[in-house]
Protein backbone atom coordinates (compact mmCIF):
# COMPACT_ATOMS: atom_id res chain seq x y z
CA ASP A 1 0.00 0.00 0.00
CA SER A 2 2.65 2.50 1.01
CA THR A 3 4.50 2.12 -2.30
CA THR A 4 1.38 2.61 -4.45
CA VAL A 5 -0.57 5.23 -2.48
CA ASN A 6 0.81 8.19 -4.42
CA ARG A 7 0.10 6.58 -7.80
CA VAL A 8 -3.65 6.60 -7.21
CA ASP A 9 -5.42 9.50 -8.92
CA TYR A 10 -8.55 9.67 -6.75
CA TYR A 11 -9.84 8.01 -3.62
CA ILE A 12 -13.52 7.40 -2.88
CA ALA A 13 -14.73 6.56 0.64
CA ASN A 14 -18.14 5.15 1.61
CA SER A 15 -18.48 7.62 4.52
CA HIS A 16 -16.76 10.68 5.98
CA TYR A 17 -15.70 8.38 8.84
CA ILE A 18 -13.68 6.28 6.38
CA ALA A 19 -12.43 9.37 4.54
CA ARG A 20 -10.89 10.56 7.82
CA ARG A 21 -9.19 7.17 8.26
CA ILE A 22 -7.81 7.33 4.71
CA LYS A 23 -6.46 10.81 5.44
CA LYS A 24 -4.85 9.63 8.68
CA VAL A 25 -3.27 6.46 7.27
CA TYR A 26 -2.44 7.46 3.69
CA GLY A 27 -2.26 11.24 4.01
CA VAL A 28 -4.59 11.78 1.05
CA THR A 29 -8.07 13.29 0.74
CA ALA A 30 -10.90 10.97 -0.33
CA ASP A 31 -14.21 12.02 -1.86
CA VAL A 32 -17.31 10.51 -0.26
CA ILE A 33 -19.99 8.61 -2.15
CA TYR A 34 -22.38 6.75 0.12
CA PRO A 35 -23.00 3.12 -0.93
CA PRO A 36 -26.32 1.97 -2.42
CA VAL A 37 -29.10 0.70 -0.16
CA ASP A 38 -32.05 -1.15 -1.70
CA VAL A 39 -34.54 1.19 -0.01
CA ASP A 40 -37.30 0.38 -2.53
CA LYS A 41 -37.50 -3.13 -1.05
CA PHE A 42 -38.74 -1.58 2.20
CA THR A 43 -42.10 0.15 2.57
CA LEU A 44 -43.39 2.65 5.09
CA ARG A 45 -45.52 1.61 8.04
CA GLU A 46 -46.59 4.43 10.30
CA THR A 47 -48.22 2.35 13.07
CA LYS A 48 -45.63 0.82 15.37
CA GLU A 49 -45.93 -1.92 18.00
CA ASP A 50 -44.51 -2.17 21.51
CA PHE A 51 -41.20 -3.95 20.90
CA TYR A 52 -37.66 -3.11 19.86
CA LEU A 53 -35.72 -4.96 17.17
CA THR A 54 -32.11 -5.78 16.43
CA ALA A 55 -30.81 -7.95 13.59
CA SER A 56 -27.27 -8.98 12.80
CA ARG A 57 -24.81 -11.81 12.48
CA MET A 58 -23.82 -12.70 16.04
CA VAL A 59 -20.13 -11.83 16.04
CA PRO A 60 -18.30 -9.86 18.76
CA TYR A 61 -17.98 -6.46 17.07
CA LYS A 62 -21.73 -6.28 16.38
CA LYS A 63 -22.30 -6.03 20.18
CA ILE A 64 -25.57 -7.98 20.19
CA ASP A 65 -24.57 -9.22 23.65
CA LEU A 66 -24.49 -5.61 24.87
CA ILE A 67 -27.96 -4.94 23.48
CA VAL A 68 -29.45 -8.13 24.95
CA GLU A 69 -27.84 -7.54 28.35
CA THR A 70 -29.18 -3.96 28.48
CA PHE A 71 -32.73 -4.93 27.53
CA THR A 72 -32.70 -7.82 30.01
CA LYS A 73 -31.66 -5.47 32.82
CA LEU A 74 -34.35 -2.94 31.87
CA GLY A 75 -37.04 -5.57 31.34
CA LYS A 76 -37.92 -4.18 27.90
CA LYS A 77 -39.18 -6.31 25.02
CA LEU A 78 -36.53 -6.98 22.37
CA VAL A 79 -36.75 -9.19 19.28
CA VAL A 80 -33.38 -10.48 18.01
CA VAL A 81 -32.85 -11.84 14.49
CA GLY A 82 -29.62 -13.58 13.51
CA THR A 83 -27.21 -16.42 14.21
CA GLY A 84 -23.46 -16.76 14.59
CA PRO A 85 -20.52 -17.70 16.83
CA ASP A 86 -21.79 -15.60 19.78
CA GLU A 87 -25.24 -17.20 19.78
CA LYS A 88 -24.63 -19.39 22.85
CA LYS A 89 -23.27 -16.44 24.85
CA ILE A 90 -26.20 -14.23 23.83
CA LYS A 91 -28.74 -16.90 24.79
CA SER A 92 -27.15 -17.09 28.26
CA LEU A 93 -27.63 -13.32 28.69
CA ALA A 94 -31.23 -13.24 27.46
CA GLY A 95 -33.97 -12.70 30.03
CA LYS A 96 -37.73 -13.21 29.77
CA THR A 97 -38.29 -10.08 27.69
CA ILE A 98 -35.88 -11.17 24.93
CA GLU A 99 -37.19 -13.13 21.92
CA LEU A 100 -34.43 -14.84 19.93
CA LEU A 101 -35.72 -15.78 16.48
CA GLY A 102 -32.50 -17.01 14.87
CA TYR A 103 -32.28 -16.82 11.09
CA GLN A 104 -35.30 -15.30 9.32
CA THR A 105 -36.17 -14.66 5.68
CA ASP A 106 -36.04 -11.16 4.23
CA ALA A 107 -39.84 -11.03 4.24
CA VAL A 108 -40.04 -11.75 7.98
CA LEU A 109 -37.24 -9.30 8.79
CA ILE A 110 -38.88 -6.52 6.76
CA ASP A 111 -42.19 -7.13 8.52
CA LEU A 112 -40.46 -6.88 11.92
CA MET A 113 -38.64 -3.69 10.85
CA GLN A 114 -41.93 -2.13 9.82
CA ARG A 115 -43.66 -2.99 13.10
CA ALA A 116 -40.86 -2.29 15.61
CA LYS A 117 -40.99 0.92 17.66
CA ALA A 118 -37.22 1.30 17.06
CA PHE A 119 -34.27 -0.58 15.60
CA VAL A 120 -31.23 -0.92 17.91
CA PHE A 121 -27.69 -0.93 16.49
CA ALA A 122 -24.55 -0.91 18.64
CA ALA A 123 -21.72 -1.65 16.18
CA GLU A 124 -19.14 0.82 14.92
CA GLU A 125 -19.47 0.35 11.16
CA ASP A 126 -17.84 1.90 8.09
CA PHE A 127 -21.35 2.79 6.86
CA GLY A 128 -24.06 0.45 8.20
CA ILE A 129 -26.68 -0.73 5.70
CA VAL A 130 -29.26 -2.23 8.10
CA PRO A 131 -30.03 0.99 10.03
CA VAL A 132 -30.84 2.69 6.71
CA GLU A 133 -33.11 -0.22 5.78
CA ALA A 134 -34.96 0.22 9.09
CA MET A 135 -35.37 3.94 8.45
CA ALA A 136 -36.76 3.12 5.00
CA CYS A 137 -39.60 1.42 6.90
CA GLY A 138 -40.21 4.64 8.83
CA THR A 139 -38.66 3.12 11.95
CA PRO A 140 -36.34 5.25 14.14
CA VAL A 141 -32.88 3.89 14.98
CA ILE A 142 -31.12 3.88 18.34
CA CYS A 143 -27.44 3.61 17.46
CA LEU A 144 -23.85 4.24 18.43
CA GLY A 145 -22.98 7.82 17.49
CA LYS A 146 -19.70 6.77 15.89
CA GLY A 147 -18.73 5.46 12.48
CA GLY A 148 -21.14 5.52 9.59
CA THR A 149 -24.32 5.63 11.67
CA LYS A 150 -23.30 8.99 13.10
CA GLU A 151 -23.78 10.28 9.54
CA THR A 152 -26.82 8.29 8.42
CA VAL A 153 -28.97 8.54 11.58
CA LEU A 154 -29.92 12.09 12.55
CA ASP A 155 -29.95 12.38 16.34
CA GLY A 156 -33.39 13.50 17.53
CA VAL A 157 -34.87 13.39 14.01
CA THR A 158 -34.53 9.85 12.65
CA GLY A 159 -33.24 8.24 15.83
CA VAL A 160 -31.12 8.60 18.96
CA HIS A 161 -27.34 8.31 19.37
CA PHE A 162 -25.40 6.94 22.33
CA ASP A 163 -21.70 7.67 22.89
CA GLN A 164 -20.11 4.51 24.26
CA GLN A 165 -20.65 0.77 23.82
CA THR A 166 -21.80 0.27 27.42
CA THR A 167 -25.07 -0.86 28.99
CA GLU A 168 -25.27 2.45 30.85
CA ASP A 169 -25.03 4.56 27.68
CA LEU A 170 -27.49 2.40 25.77
CA ALA A 171 -29.92 2.53 28.72
CA ARG A 172 -29.73 6.33 28.75
CA ALA A 173 -30.39 6.42 24.99
CA LEU A 174 -33.45 4.20 25.45
CA GLN A 175 -34.74 6.47 28.19
CA ARG A 176 -34.24 9.50 25.98
CA PHE A 177 -35.91 7.76 23.04
CA GLU A 178 -39.00 6.96 25.09
CA GLN A 179 -39.21 10.56 26.28
CA ILE A 180 -39.33 11.89 22.70
CA GLU A 181 -40.84 8.83 20.97
CA THR A 182 -44.01 10.60 19.85
CA SER A 183 -41.99 13.30 18.07
CA PHE A 184 -40.60 10.90 15.47
CA ASP A 185 -42.32 11.18 12.08
CA PRO A 186 -42.22 7.88 10.12
CA GLN A 187 -42.66 9.68 6.79
CA LYS A 188 -39.77 12.04 7.54
CA ILE A 189 -37.61 9.10 8.62
CA ARG A 190 -38.32 7.23 5.37
CA SER A 191 -37.69 10.36 3.28
CA HIS A 192 -34.28 10.69 4.91
CA ALA A 193 -33.46 7.04 4.11
CA LEU A 194 -34.33 7.49 0.43
CA GLN A 195 -31.26 9.69 -0.13
CA PHE A 196 -29.14 6.53 0.19
CA SER A 197 -30.92 4.76 -2.69
CA ARG A 198 -29.29 2.66 -5.41
CA LYS A 199 -30.45 5.17 -8.05
CA ARG A 200 -28.70 8.03 -6.20
CA PHE A 201 -25.50 5.98 -5.92
CA GLU A 202 -25.47 5.09 -9.63
CA LYS A 203 -26.03 8.74 -10.58
CA GLU A 204 -23.31 10.07 -8.25
CA PHE A 205 -20.79 7.41 -9.20
CA ALA A 206 -21.38 7.84 -12.94
CA HIS A 207 -21.08 11.63 -12.61
CA TYR A 208 -17.86 11.28 -10.60
CA VAL A 209 -16.23 8.96 -13.15
CA ALA A 210 -17.31 11.16 -16.08
CA GLU A 211 -16.02 14.30 -14.35
CA LYS A 212 -12.64 12.79 -13.49
CA TRP A 213 -12.26 11.23 -16.95
CA ALA A 214 -12.92 14.64 -18.55
CA LEU A 215 -10.21 16.17 -16.37
CA PHE A 216 -7.82 13.39 -17.37
CA GLN A 217 -8.50 14.00 -21.05
CA GLN A 218 -7.90 17.75 -20.64
CA GLU A 219 -4.58 17.13 -18.89
CA LYS A 220 -3.43 15.01 -21.84
CA LEU A 221 -3.89 17.90 -24.27
């Protein structure tokens, strides 16, 4: 990498979070084009039910154990979709208010996303596709305010951020969410998610390539 970094003409990052990492490691500035999310596969549902949802492969960095532990302590209803290496550990942490569904089809997951009062996401991701999918259903997202979700989830508008991956911080975010829950507008949340569509990505990427190619051709003259 270090021998080729200066031979690259342009860098594209999938979030400003990653652009900052590219700047720190390689010392170059990257342009940001958010990745495509298949938002059209998800439809708005304005009426929500009294449960929270999380869905992910059960691996350590996804912090599903943190979410389950917090909801067990608070006695709040949480539905968990997913399987993986941490499944046994997560089952041992799950109390009576936790419903572990294992693997589910896309149709079942979309239905749960549409009905949940909020989607909970505790991982520090480069971008984070699933929170955007939840917002495309009109569902607010409670997420870590770091990484890609700090950019995609608007604190107080399309969801609530928490600062640290601890049960205490997540519990405070849940408390705050429930205090302002009625202020969330499902239509506004979905509208925000639509800006991350596949069509937008294709348009931005095509424009970027055309623009840079034109510059390249001019420099050759």
